[in-house]
Amino acid sequence: MAELRPDERGQTTVELALTLPLVALVIGVLVEFGMLVADQARLWHAAREAARVAAVDADEGHQLVAARETGLGPLEMVTEPKPNLRVQGEPIEVSLTYAPVGTVPLIGELFERITLTSSATMRIETP
């Protein structure tokens, strides 16, 4: 094994100090991206639950409660058709919009501009 010359001492420490912030940034971005994917999956589930409730109940309050039980924060919901236009056997669509909150300091702020959307359609069981 070759010995280090006196002027090369500390080289590994300097290399680590230079690359550690980049490694931390990459890990932070991966964590934040994973949280966005998880939020999108929960939003799909929330839309499906709200559509299921909408198929049997015309009250939009109950639909929103079903969507919020997935644990997501403030959701915007649009249900089509409106309660007075529903016909049994016709489709009903629930669309949800969610603005995720960043979880990783500094990096999360870059992802807060993203808006997630999801919709689900089911057949109306009761008008």
Protein backbone atom coordinates (compact mmCIF):
# COMPACT_ATOMS: atom_id res chain seq x y z
CA MET A 1 0.00 0.00 0.00
CA ALA A 2 1.37 3.38 -0.96
CA GLU A 3 1.89 5.94 1.72
CA LEU A 4 0.40 9.41 1.41
CA ARG A 5 2.70 12.28 0.85
CA PRO A 6 2.56 15.00 3.50
CA ASP A 7 0.75 17.42 1.17
CA GLU A 8 -2.13 14.91 0.54
CA ARG A 9 -3.21 14.51 4.15
CA GLY A 10 -6.85 15.41 4.74
CA GLN A 11 -7.81 14.88 1.11
CA THR A 12 -10.60 12.44 2.02
CA THR A 13 -11.99 14.84 4.58
CA VAL A 14 -12.13 17.65 2.04
CA GLU A 15 -13.79 15.40 -0.56
CA LEU A 16 -16.42 14.36 1.99
CA ALA A 17 -17.03 17.98 2.98
CA LEU A 18 -17.53 18.92 -0.67
CA THR A 19 -19.88 16.05 -1.58
CA LEU A 20 -21.93 15.73 1.62
CA PRO A 21 -24.27 18.69 0.83
CA LEU A 22 -24.97 17.24 -2.60
CA VAL A 23 -25.74 13.81 -1.13
CA ALA A 24 -28.04 15.41 1.47
CA LEU A 25 -29.83 17.35 -1.30
CA VAL A 26 -30.40 14.20 -3.35
CA ILE A 27 -31.74 12.31 -0.33
CA GLY A 28 -34.06 15.23 0.52
CA VAL A 29 -35.43 15.37 -3.02
CA LEU A 30 -36.03 11.61 -3.01
CA VAL A 31 -37.88 11.78 0.31
CA GLU A 32 -40.03 14.70 -0.87
CA PHE A 33 -40.82 12.97 -4.17
CA GLY A 34 -41.81 9.83 -2.27
CA MET A 35 -44.17 11.87 -0.11
CA LEU A 36 -45.76 13.35 -3.26
CA VAL A 37 -46.32 9.87 -4.68
CA ALA A 38 -47.90 8.77 -1.39
CA ASP A 39 -50.15 11.86 -1.37
CA GLN A 40 -51.26 11.11 -4.94
CA ALA A 41 -52.17 7.53 -3.98
CA ARG A 42 -54.14 8.80 -0.98
CA LEU A 43 -55.87 11.34 -3.21
CA TRP A 44 -56.94 8.55 -5.61
CA HIS A 45 -58.32 6.67 -2.64
CA ALA A 46 -60.11 9.79 -1.34
CA ALA A 47 -61.77 10.40 -4.73
CA ARG A 48 -62.94 6.80 -4.87
CA GLU A 49 -64.37 6.97 -1.35
CA ALA A 50 -66.15 10.28 -2.07
CA ALA A 51 -67.59 8.87 -5.31
CA ARG A 52 -68.83 5.79 -3.46
CA VAL A 53 -70.65 7.98 -0.94
CA ALA A 54 -71.96 10.22 -3.75
CA ALA A 55 -73.46 7.17 -5.47
CA VAL A 56 -75.77 6.57 -2.50
CA ASP A 57 -76.01 10.00 -0.79
CA ALA A 58 -76.61 13.39 -2.43
CA ASP A 59 -75.22 15.34 0.54
CA GLU A 60 -71.86 16.85 -0.51
CA GLY A 61 -70.91 17.24 3.15
CA HIS A 62 -70.91 13.48 3.61
CA GLN A 63 -68.83 13.08 0.45
CA LEU A 64 -66.23 15.56 1.69
CA VAL A 65 -66.06 13.83 5.10
CA ALA A 66 -65.42 10.51 3.34
CA ALA A 67 -62.63 12.10 1.29
CA ARG A 68 -61.01 13.75 4.33
CA GLU A 69 -60.93 10.48 6.26
CA THR A 70 -57.91 9.52 4.15
CA GLY A 71 -55.89 12.02 6.17
CA LEU A 72 -55.24 14.64 3.51
CA GLY A 73 -55.43 18.31 4.39
CA PRO A 74 -57.78 20.81 2.80
CA LEU A 75 -59.38 19.38 -0.33
CA GLU A 76 -61.38 21.07 -3.04
CA MET A 77 -64.19 18.89 -4.35
CA VAL A 78 -66.43 19.12 -7.40
CA THR A 79 -69.29 16.66 -7.92
CA GLU A 80 -71.09 16.32 -11.26
CA PRO A 81 -74.04 16.18 -11.81
CA LYS A 82 -75.54 18.32 -9.05
CA PRO A 83 -78.05 16.65 -6.67
CA ASN A 84 -81.15 17.93 -8.48
CA LEU A 85 -79.95 16.51 -11.85
CA ARG A 86 -79.09 12.99 -10.69
CA VAL A 87 -80.73 9.99 -12.32
CA GLN A 88 -80.43 6.48 -10.96
CA GLY A 89 -78.07 4.38 -13.09
CA GLU A 90 -76.24 7.38 -14.60
CA PRO A 91 -72.59 8.11 -13.75
CA ILE A 92 -71.50 10.54 -11.06
CA GLU A 93 -68.00 11.98 -11.03
CA VAL A 94 -66.13 13.37 -8.03
CA SER A 95 -63.00 15.44 -8.70
CA LEU A 96 -60.59 16.37 -5.92
CA THR A 97 -57.77 18.90 -5.86
CA TYR A 98 -55.08 18.96 -3.18
CA ALA A 99 -52.10 21.26 -2.62
CA PRO A 100 -49.50 19.23 -0.68
CA VAL A 101 -47.40 20.73 2.07
CA GLY A 102 -43.65 20.13 1.91
CA THR A 103 -42.16 17.88 4.57
CA VAL A 104 -38.41 18.33 4.06
CA PRO A 105 -37.17 21.79 5.15
CA LEU A 106 -36.09 24.05 2.26
CA ILE A 107 -36.58 21.31 -0.36
CA GLY A 108 -40.28 20.91 0.47
CA GLU A 109 -40.87 24.56 -0.43
CA LEU A 110 -39.87 23.81 -4.02
CA PHE A 111 -42.58 21.12 -4.26
CA GLU A 112 -45.36 23.22 -2.70
CA ARG A 113 -46.21 24.76 -6.07
CA ILE A 114 -47.48 21.38 -7.27
CA THR A 115 -51.23 20.73 -7.25
CA LEU A 116 -52.44 17.13 -7.25
CA THR A 117 -55.77 16.17 -8.82
CA SER A 118 -57.77 12.98 -8.99
CA SER A 119 -61.27 11.94 -10.00
CA ALA A 120 -63.47 8.89 -9.73
CA THR A 121 -66.69 7.92 -11.47
CA MET A 122 -69.38 5.55 -10.21
CA ARG A 123 -72.96 4.72 -11.10
CA ILE A 124 -75.68 6.49 -9.09
CA GLU A 125 -77.54 3.95 -6.97
CA THR A 126 -80.11 6.29 -5.42
CA PRO A 127 -81.20 9.61 -6.95
